[in-house]
Each structure stands twice: as structure tokens, then as C-alpha cells.
Amino acid sequence: QHTLIVPCATGTAITAKYPAAQSFIFRTAAPDQHQTQFLV
């Protein structure tokens, strides 16, 4: 239960591994799911 903010790594799974309601993992980078959609 330790707060982690990920500012660079973009793998979609990083913030999807745990449901947000229970997760202590946050991110300020753009997920790859968004980047790929943007490019397409």
C-alpha cells in the first residue's frame, strides 16, 4: 500500500494490472493505448 506515480513508462498494463478502486499505482504519462490510437 505504497504510493507510486509513474511519470514515464507507458505500457497500457501498468495502470490496468489492478482496478483503480484498489490500486496504489498512478501515472502522469500517456498510456500506449492512447498513443497507438492517436497515431492511427
All heavy atoms as atom14 arrays in JSON, in Angstrom:
{
  "sequence": "QHTLIVPCATGTAITAKYPAAQSFIFRTAAPDQHQTQFLV",
  "atom14_mask": [
    [1, 1, 1, 1, 1, 1, 1, 1, 1, 0, 0, 0, 0, 0],
    [1, 1, 1, 1, 1, 1, 1, 1, 1, 1, 0, 0, 0, 0],
    [1, 1, 1, 1, 1, 1, 1, 0, 0, 0, 0, 0, 0, 0],
    [1, 1, 1, 1, 1, 1, 1, 1, 0, 0, 0, 0, 0, 0],
    [1, 1, 1, 1, 1, 1, 1, 1, 0, 0, 0, 0, 0, 0],
    [1, 1, 1, 1, 1, 1, 1, 0, 0, 0, 0, 0, 0, 0],
    [1, 1, 1, 1, 1, 1, 1, 0, 0, 0, 0, 0, 0, 0],
    [1, 1, 1, 1, 1, 1, 0, 0, 0, 0, 0, 0, 0, 0],
    [1, 1, 1, 1, 1, 0, 0, 0, 0, 0, 0, 0, 0, 0],
    [1, 1, 1, 1, 1, 1, 1, 0, 0, 0, 0, 0, 0, 0],
    [1, 1, 1, 1, 0, 0, 0, 0, 0, 0, 0, 0, 0, 0],
    [1, 1, 1, 1, 1, 1, 1, 0, 0, 0, 0, 0, 0, 0],
    [1, 1, 1, 1, 1, 0, 0, 0, 0, 0, 0, 0, 0, 0],
    [1, 1, 1, 1, 1, 1, 1, 1, 0, 0, 0, 0, 0, 0],
    [1, 1, 1, 1, 1, 1, 1, 0, 0, 0, 0, 0, 0, 0],
    [1, 1, 1, 1, 1, 0, 0, 0, 0, 0, 0, 0, 0, 0],
    [1, 1, 1, 1, 1, 1, 1, 1, 1, 0, 0, 0, 0, 0],
    [1, 1, 1, 1, 1, 1, 1, 1, 1, 1, 1, 1, 0, 0],
    [1, 1, 1, 1, 1, 1, 1, 0, 0, 0, 0, 0, 0, 0],
    [1, 1, 1, 1, 1, 0, 0, 0, 0, 0, 0, 0, 0, 0],
    [1, 1, 1, 1, 1, 0, 0, 0, 0, 0, 0, 0, 0, 0],
    [1, 1, 1, 1, 1, 1, 1, 1, 1, 0, 0, 0, 0, 0],
    [1, 1, 1, 1, 1, 1, 0, 0, 0, 0, 0, 0, 0, 0],
    [1, 1, 1, 1, 1, 1, 1, 1, 1, 1, 1, 0, 0, 0],
    [1, 1, 1, 1, 1, 1, 1, 1, 0, 0, 0, 0, 0, 0],
    [1, 1, 1, 1, 1, 1, 1, 1, 1, 1, 1, 0, 0, 0],
    [1, 1, 1, 1, 1, 1, 1, 1, 1, 1, 1, 0, 0, 0],
    [1, 1, 1, 1, 1, 1, 1, 0, 0, 0, 0, 0, 0, 0],
    [1, 1, 1, 1, 1, 0, 0, 0, 0, 0, 0, 0, 0, 0],
    [1, 1, 1, 1, 1, 0, 0, 0, 0, 0, 0, 0, 0, 0],
    [1, 1, 1, 1, 1, 1, 1, 0, 0, 0, 0, 0, 0, 0],
    [1, 1, 1, 1, 1, 1, 1, 1, 0, 0, 0, 0, 0, 0],
    [1, 1, 1, 1, 1, 1, 1, 1, 1, 0, 0, 0, 0, 0],
    [1, 1, 1, 1, 1, 1, 1, 1, 1, 1, 0, 0, 0, 0],
    [1, 1, 1, 1, 1, 1, 1, 1, 1, 0, 0, 0, 0, 0],
    [1, 1, 1, 1, 1, 1, 1, 0, 0, 0, 0, 0, 0, 0],
    [1, 1, 1, 1, 1, 1, 1, 1, 1, 0, 0, 0, 0, 0],
    [1, 1, 1, 1, 1, 1, 1, 1, 1, 1, 1, 0, 0, 0],
    [1, 1, 1, 1, 1, 1, 1, 1, 0, 0, 0, 0, 0, 0],
    [1, 1, 1, 1, 1, 1, 1, 0, 0, 0, 0, 0, 0, 0]
  ],
  "atom14_positions": [
    [[0.83, -1.21, 0.0], [0.0, 0.0, 0.0], [0.87, 1.26, 0.0], [0.68, 2.19, 0.79], [-0.95, 0.0, 1.19], [-1.95, -1.15, 1.17], [-3.03, -1.03, 2.21], [-2.92, -0.26, 3.17], [-4.1, -1.79, 2.05], [0.0, 0.0, 0.0], [0.0, 0.0, 0.0], [0.0, 0.0, 0.0], [0.0, 0.0, 0.0], [0.0, 0.0, 0.0]],
    [[1.81, 1.27, -0.92], [2.79, 2.37, -1.02], [2.51, 3.15, -2.3], [2.42, 2.56, -3.39], [4.2, 1.79, -1.05], [5.29, 2.81, -1.15], [5.97, 3.28, -0.05], [5.82, 3.44, -2.22], [6.88, 4.16, -0.44], [6.81, 4.28, -1.76], [0.0, 0.0, 0.0], [0.0, 0.0, 0.0], [0.0, 0.0, 0.0], [0.0, 0.0, 0.0]],
    [[2.4, 4.44, -2.2], [2.07, 5.28, -3.36], [3.19, 5.29, -4.38], [4.34, 5.6, -4.06], [1.78, 6.72, -2.91], [0.78, 6.71, -1.9], [1.32, 7.56, -4.09], [0.0, 0.0, 0.0], [0.0, 0.0, 0.0], [0.0, 0.0, 0.0], [0.0, 0.0, 0.0], [0.0, 0.0, 0.0], [0.0, 0.0, 0.0], [0.0, 0.0, 0.0]],
    [[2.85, 4.97, -5.63], [3.79, 5.04, -6.76], [3.16, 5.88, -7.86], [2.03, 5.61, -8.27], [4.1, 3.65, -7.3], [4.89, 3.61, -8.63], [6.32, 4.11, -8.42], [4.9, 2.21, -9.24], [0.0, 0.0, 0.0], [0.0, 0.0, 0.0], [0.0, 0.0, 0.0], [0.0, 0.0, 0.0], [0.0, 0.0, 0.0], [0.0, 0.0, 0.0]],
    [[3.89, 6.9, -8.32], [3.47, 7.64, -9.51], [4.49, 7.37, -10.61], [5.69, 7.58, -10.43], [3.37, 9.16, -9.25], [2.37, 9.45, -8.14], [2.96, 9.88, -10.53], [2.15, 10.92, -7.86], [0.0, 0.0, 0.0], [0.0, 0.0, 0.0], [0.0, 0.0, 0.0], [0.0, 0.0, 0.0], [0.0, 0.0, 0.0], [0.0, 0.0, 0.0]],
    [[4.02, 6.86, -11.73], [4.87, 6.51, -12.87], [4.82, 7.69, -13.86], [3.79, 7.93, -14.48], [4.37, 5.22, -13.55], [5.26, 4.87, -14.74], [4.34, 4.08, -12.55], [0.0, 0.0, 0.0], [0.0, 0.0, 0.0], [0.0, 0.0, 0.0], [0.0, 0.0, 0.0], [0.0, 0.0, 0.0], [0.0, 0.0, 0.0], [0.0, 0.0, 0.0]],
    [[5.94, 8.41, -14.05], [5.91, 9.59, -14.91], [6.38, 9.35, -16.35], [6.28, 10.25, -17.18], [6.86, 10.54, -14.2], [7.91, 9.63, -13.64], [7.2, 8.34, -13.29], [0.0, 0.0, 0.0], [0.0, 0.0, 0.0], [0.0, 0.0, 0.0], [0.0, 0.0, 0.0], [0.0, 0.0, 0.0], [0.0, 0.0, 0.0], [0.0, 0.0, 0.0]],
    [[6.89, 8.15, -16.64], [7.48, 7.92, -17.96], [6.98, 6.65, -18.63], [6.57, 6.69, -19.79], [9.01, 7.86, -17.85], [9.76, 9.33, -17.15], [0.0, 0.0, 0.0], [0.0, 0.0, 0.0], [0.0, 0.0, 0.0], [0.0, 0.0, 0.0], [0.0, 0.0, 0.0], [0.0, 0.0, 0.0], [0.0, 0.0, 0.0], [0.0, 0.0, 0.0]],
    [[7.05, 5.52, -17.95], [6.7, 4.24, -18.58], [5.25, 4.26, -19.05], [4.35, 4.67, -18.32], [6.92, 3.1, -17.61], [0.0, 0.0, 0.0], [0.0, 0.0, 0.0], [0.0, 0.0, 0.0], [0.0, 0.0, 0.0], [0.0, 0.0, 0.0], [0.0, 0.0, 0.0], [0.0, 0.0, 0.0], [0.0, 0.0, 0.0], [0.0, 0.0, 0.0]],
    [[5.02, 3.79, -20.28], [3.73, 4.0, -20.94], [2.94, 2.73, -21.21], [1.83, 2.79, -21.76], [3.94, 4.73, -22.28], [4.83, 3.95, -23.1], [4.53, 6.11, -22.07], [0.0, 0.0, 0.0], [0.0, 0.0, 0.0], [0.0, 0.0, 0.0], [0.0, 0.0, 0.0], [0.0, 0.0, 0.0], [0.0, 0.0, 0.0], [0.0, 0.0, 0.0]],
    [[3.46, 1.56, -20.86], [2.75, 0.32, -21.13], [1.33, 0.35, -20.6], [1.1, 0.71, -19.43], [0.0, 0.0, 0.0], [0.0, 0.0, 0.0], [0.0, 0.0, 0.0], [0.0, 0.0, 0.0], [0.0, 0.0, 0.0], [0.0, 0.0, 0.0], [0.0, 0.0, 0.0], [0.0, 0.0, 0.0], [0.0, 0.0, 0.0], [0.0, 0.0, 0.0]],
    [[0.38, 0.0, -21.42], [-1.04, 0.07, -21.04], [-1.32, -0.73, -19.77], [-2.13, -0.32, -18.93], [-1.91, -0.46, -22.2], [-1.66, 0.34, -23.37], [-3.39, -0.4, -21.85], [0.0, 0.0, 0.0], [0.0, 0.0, 0.0], [0.0, 0.0, 0.0], [0.0, 0.0, 0.0], [0.0, 0.0, 0.0], [0.0, 0.0, 0.0], [0.0, 0.0, 0.0]],
    [[-0.62, -1.84, -19.59], [-0.9, -2.75, -18.47], [-0.52, -2.17, -17.11], [-1.0, -2.65, -16.08], [-0.18, -4.07, -18.68], [0.0, 0.0, 0.0], [0.0, 0.0, 0.0], [0.0, 0.0, 0.0], [0.0, 0.0, 0.0], [0.0, 0.0, 0.0], [0.0, 0.0, 0.0], [0.0, 0.0, 0.0], [0.0, 0.0, 0.0], [0.0, 0.0, 0.0]],
    [[0.33, -1.15, -17.08], [0.84, -0.64, -15.8], [-0.28, -0.17, -14.89], [-0.3, -0.49, -13.69], [1.86, 0.5, -16.04], [3.14, -0.08, -16.66], [2.18, 1.23, -14.74], [4.13, 0.97, -17.12], [0.0, 0.0, 0.0], [0.0, 0.0, 0.0], [0.0, 0.0, 0.0], [0.0, 0.0, 0.0], [0.0, 0.0, 0.0], [0.0, 0.0, 0.0]],
    [[-1.22, 0.57, -15.43], [-2.34, 1.05, -14.6], [-3.57, 0.17, -14.76], [-4.61, 0.47, -14.18], [-2.7, 2.49, -14.96], [-2.79, 2.63, -16.38], [-1.67, 3.47, -14.41], [0.0, 0.0, 0.0], [0.0, 0.0, 0.0], [0.0, 0.0, 0.0], [0.0, 0.0, 0.0], [0.0, 0.0, 0.0], [0.0, 0.0, 0.0], [0.0, 0.0, 0.0]],
    [[-3.44, -0.91, -15.51], [-4.56, -1.83, -15.7], [-4.4, -3.1, -14.87], [-5.35, -3.88, -14.75], [-4.72, -2.19, -17.17], [0.0, 0.0, 0.0], [0.0, 0.0, 0.0], [0.0, 0.0, 0.0], [0.0, 0.0, 0.0], [0.0, 0.0, 0.0], [0.0, 0.0, 0.0], [0.0, 0.0, 0.0], [0.0, 0.0, 0.0], [0.0, 0.0, 0.0]],
    [[-3.23, -3.32, -14.3], [-2.98, -4.57, -13.58], [-3.9, -4.7, -12.37], [-4.37, -5.79, -12.05], [-1.52, -4.64, -13.14], [-1.19, -5.95, -12.44], [0.29, -6.11, -12.17], [0.57, -7.49, -11.53], [2.01, -7.7, -11.28], [0.0, 0.0, 0.0], [0.0, 0.0, 0.0], [0.0, 0.0, 0.0], [0.0, 0.0, 0.0], [0.0, 0.0, 0.0]],
    [[-4.15, -3.58, -11.7], [-5.04, -3.58, -10.53], [-6.19, -2.61, -10.8], [-5.98, -1.54, -11.39], [-4.31, -3.13, -9.27], [-2.96, -3.76, -9.08], [-1.79, -3.03, -9.31], [-2.84, -5.08, -8.67], [-0.55, -3.61, -9.13], [-1.59, -5.67, -8.5], [-0.45, -4.92, -8.73], [0.77, -5.49, -8.57], [0.0, 0.0, 0.0], [0.0, 0.0, 0.0]],
    [[-7.41, -2.93, -10.37], [-8.52, -1.98, -10.53], [-8.21, -0.69, -9.79], [-7.67, -0.7, -8.68], [-9.7, -2.71, -9.88], [-9.32, -4.16, -9.88], [-7.83, -4.19, -9.73], [0.0, 0.0, 0.0], [0.0, 0.0, 0.0], [0.0, 0.0, 0.0], [0.0, 0.0, 0.0], [0.0, 0.0, 0.0], [0.0, 0.0, 0.0], [0.0, 0.0, 0.0]],
    [[-8.53, 0.43, -10.41], [-8.2, 1.73, -9.83], [-8.74, 1.88, -8.41], [-8.1, 2.5, -7.55], [-8.72, 2.85, -10.71], [0.0, 0.0, 0.0], [0.0, 0.0, 0.0], [0.0, 0.0, 0.0], [0.0, 0.0, 0.0], [0.0, 0.0, 0.0], [0.0, 0.0, 0.0], [0.0, 0.0, 0.0], [0.0, 0.0, 0.0], [0.0, 0.0, 0.0]],
    [[-9.89, 1.31, -8.14], [-10.5, 1.45, -6.82], [-9.62, 0.86, -5.72], [-9.7, 1.29, -4.57], [-11.88, 0.79, -6.8], [0.0, 0.0, 0.0], [0.0, 0.0, 0.0], [0.0, 0.0, 0.0], [0.0, 0.0, 0.0], [0.0, 0.0, 0.0], [0.0, 0.0, 0.0], [0.0, 0.0, 0.0], [0.0, 0.0, 0.0], [0.0, 0.0, 0.0]],
    [[-8.78, -0.12, -6.07], [-7.89, -0.74, -5.08], [-6.42, -0.39, -5.31], [-5.57, -0.69, -4.47], [-8.03, -2.26, -5.13], [-9.33, -2.82, -4.56], [-10.47, -2.76, -5.56], [-10.3, -3.17, -6.71], [-11.62, -2.28, -5.12], [0.0, 0.0, 0.0], [0.0, 0.0, 0.0], [0.0, 0.0, 0.0], [0.0, 0.0, 0.0], [0.0, 0.0, 0.0]],
    [[-6.1, 0.27, -6.41], [-4.71, 0.44, -6.82], [-4.02, 1.61, -6.14], [-4.61, 2.67, -5.9], [-4.64, 0.63, -8.33], [-3.31, 0.84, -8.75], [0.0, 0.0, 0.0], [0.0, 0.0, 0.0], [0.0, 0.0, 0.0], [0.0, 0.0, 0.0], [0.0, 0.0, 0.0], [0.0, 0.0, 0.0], [0.0, 0.0, 0.0], [0.0, 0.0, 0.0]],
    [[-2.71, 1.42, -5.89], [-1.85, 2.49, -5.37], [-0.87, 2.97, -6.44], [0.09, 3.65, -6.15], [-1.09, 1.99, -4.13], [-1.99, 1.7, -2.97], [-2.59, 0.45, -2.83], [-2.29, 2.68, -2.04], [-3.46, 0.18, -1.78], [-3.15, 2.43, -0.98], [-3.74, 1.17, -0.85], [0.0, 0.0, 0.0], [0.0, 0.0, 0.0], [0.0, 0.0, 0.0]],
    [[-1.16, 2.59, -7.7], [-0.31, 2.93, -8.84], [-0.98, 4.03, -9.66], [-2.11, 3.86, -10.13], [-0.07, 1.71, -9.75], [0.28, 0.46, -8.92], [0.99, 2.02, -10.79], [1.5, 0.6, -8.05], [0.0, 0.0, 0.0], [0.0, 0.0, 0.0], [0.0, 0.0, 0.0], [0.0, 0.0, 0.0], [0.0, 0.0, 0.0], [0.0, 0.0, 0.0]],
    [[-0.28, 5.14, -9.85], [-0.79, 6.28, -10.62], [0.21, 6.59, -11.74], [1.36, 6.16, -11.7], [-0.96, 7.5, -9.71], [-1.93, 7.29, -8.58], [-1.54, 6.64, -7.42], [-3.24, 7.75, -8.67], [-2.43, 6.44, -6.36], [-4.14, 7.56, -7.63], [-3.73, 6.89, -6.48], [0.0, 0.0, 0.0], [0.0, 0.0, 0.0], [0.0, 0.0, 0.0]],
    [[-0.24, 7.36, -12.73], [0.66, 7.66, -13.85], [0.38, 9.04, -14.43], [-0.78, 9.46, -14.58], [0.52, 6.6, -14.94], [1.36, 6.89, -16.19], [1.58, 5.68, -17.07], [0.35, 5.0, -17.44], [0.32, 3.83, -18.09], [1.45, 3.22, -18.41], [-0.82, 3.26, -18.4], [0.0, 0.0, 0.0], [0.0, 0.0, 0.0], [0.0, 0.0, 0.0]],
    [[1.46, 9.75, -14.81], [1.34, 11.05, -15.48], [1.86, 11.01, -16.91], [2.1, 12.05, -17.52], [2.09, 12.14, -14.69], [3.47, 11.73, -14.51], [1.45, 12.39, -13.34], [0.0, 0.0, 0.0], [0.0, 0.0, 0.0], [0.0, 0.0, 0.0], [0.0, 0.0, 0.0], [0.0, 0.0, 0.0], [0.0, 0.0, 0.0], [0.0, 0.0, 0.0]],
    [[2.05, 9.81, -17.46], [2.47, 9.64, -18.85], [1.29, 9.12, -19.67], [0.32, 8.62, -19.13], [3.64, 8.66, -18.94], [0.0, 0.0, 0.0], [0.0, 0.0, 0.0], [0.0, 0.0, 0.0], [0.0, 0.0, 0.0], [0.0, 0.0, 0.0], [0.0, 0.0, 0.0], [0.0, 0.0, 0.0], [0.0, 0.0, 0.0], [0.0, 0.0, 0.0]],
    [[1.39, 9.26, -20.99], [0.31, 8.82, -21.88], [0.39, 7.32, -22.12], [1.4, 6.82, -22.63], [0.4, 9.55, -23.21], [0.0, 0.0, 0.0], [0.0, 0.0, 0.0], [0.0, 0.0, 0.0], [0.0, 0.0, 0.0], [0.0, 0.0, 0.0], [0.0, 0.0, 0.0], [0.0, 0.0, 0.0], [0.0, 0.0, 0.0], [0.0, 0.0, 0.0]],
    [[-0.64, 6.55, -21.77], [-0.62, 5.09, -21.99], [-0.46, 4.76, -23.47], [-0.91, 5.51, -24.34], [-1.99, 4.64, -21.47], [-2.5, 5.75, -20.63], [-1.91, 7.01, -21.17], [0.0, 0.0, 0.0], [0.0, 0.0, 0.0], [0.0, 0.0, 0.0], [0.0, 0.0, 0.0], [0.0, 0.0, 0.0], [0.0, 0.0, 0.0], [0.0, 0.0, 0.0]],
    [[0.16, 3.63, -23.73], [0.36, 3.21, -25.12], [-0.97, 3.03, -25.86], [-1.05, 3.23, -27.07], [1.15, 1.9, -25.16], [2.61, 2.11, -24.8], [3.08, 3.25, -24.86], [3.28, 1.11, -24.46], [0.0, 0.0, 0.0], [0.0, 0.0, 0.0], [0.0, 0.0, 0.0], [0.0, 0.0, 0.0], [0.0, 0.0, 0.0], [0.0, 0.0, 0.0]],
    [[-2.01, 2.66, -25.13], [-3.32, 2.52, -25.76], [-3.76, 3.83, -26.39], [-4.36, 3.85, -27.46], [-4.33, 2.05, -24.72], [-5.71, 1.72, -25.3], [-6.64, 1.16, -24.24], [-6.59, 1.57, -23.08], [-7.49, 0.23, -24.63], [0.0, 0.0, 0.0], [0.0, 0.0, 0.0], [0.0, 0.0, 0.0], [0.0, 0.0, 0.0], [0.0, 0.0, 0.0]],
    [[-3.47, 4.95, -25.72], [-3.81, 6.26, -26.27], [-2.85, 6.64, -27.4], [-3.26, 7.21, -28.42], [-3.75, 7.33, -25.18], [-4.79, 7.18, -24.11], [-5.93, 6.42, -24.29], [-4.87, 7.71, -22.86], [-6.67, 6.48, -23.19], [-6.05, 7.25, -22.31], [0.0, 0.0, 0.0], [0.0, 0.0, 0.0], [0.0, 0.0, 0.0], [0.0, 0.0, 0.0]],
    [[-1.57, 6.36, -27.22], [-0.58, 6.73, -28.24], [-0.85, 6.01, -29.56], [-0.75, 6.62, -30.63], [0.83, 6.43, -27.74], [1.27, 7.27, -26.56], [2.75, 7.18, -26.33], [3.58, 7.57, -27.16], [3.13, 6.64, -25.18], [0.0, 0.0, 0.0], [0.0, 0.0, 0.0], [0.0, 0.0, 0.0], [0.0, 0.0, 0.0], [0.0, 0.0, 0.0]],
    [[-1.15, 4.72, -29.48], [-1.41, 3.98, -30.72], [-2.68, 4.48, -31.4], [-2.71, 4.62, -32.64], [-1.53, 2.48, -30.42], [-2.5, 2.27, -29.38], [-0.2, 1.9, -29.99], [0.0, 0.0, 0.0], [0.0, 0.0, 0.0], [0.0, 0.0, 0.0], [0.0, 0.0, 0.0], [0.0, 0.0, 0.0], [0.0, 0.0, 0.0], [0.0, 0.0, 0.0]],
    [[-3.7, 4.78, -30.63], [-4.94, 5.29, -31.21], [-4.7, 6.65, -31.86], [-5.21, 6.93, -32.95], [-6.03, 5.41, -30.15], [-7.4, 5.76, -30.72], [-7.92, 4.69, -31.66], [-8.01, 3.52, -31.28], [-8.24, 5.07, -32.89], [0.0, 0.0, 0.0], [0.0, 0.0, 0.0], [0.0, 0.0, 0.0], [0.0, 0.0, 0.0], [0.0, 0.0, 0.0]],
    [[-3.92, 7.49, -31.21], [-3.6, 8.81, -31.74], [-2.88, 8.68, -33.09], [-3.2, 9.39, -34.05], [-2.73, 9.56, -30.73], [-2.33, 10.94, -31.16], [-3.17, 12.02, -30.95], [-1.1, 11.17, -31.78], [-2.79, 13.3, -31.34], [-0.72, 12.43, -32.18], [-1.57, 13.51, -31.96], [0.0, 0.0, 0.0], [0.0, 0.0, 0.0], [0.0, 0.0, 0.0]],
    [[-1.91, 7.78, -33.18], [-1.17, 7.6, -34.42], [-2.07, 7.08, -35.54], [-2.01, 7.57, -36.68], [0.0, 6.63, -34.2], [1.15, 7.14, -33.33], [2.17, 6.03, -33.09], [1.82, 8.35, -33.96], [0.0, 0.0, 0.0], [0.0, 0.0, 0.0], [0.0, 0.0, 0.0], [0.0, 0.0, 0.0], [0.0, 0.0, 0.0], [0.0, 0.0, 0.0]],
    [[-2.89, 6.1, -35.22], [-3.79, 5.55, -36.24], [-4.79, 6.6, -36.69], [-5.09, 6.71, -37.89], [-4.49, 4.29, -35.71], [-5.6, 3.85, -36.67], [-3.48, 3.16, -35.52], [0.0, 0.0, 0.0], [0.0, 0.0, 0.0], [0.0, 0.0, 0.0], [0.0, 0.0, 0.0], [0.0, 0.0, 0.0], [0.0, 0.0, 0.0], [0.0, 0.0, 0.0]]
  ]
}
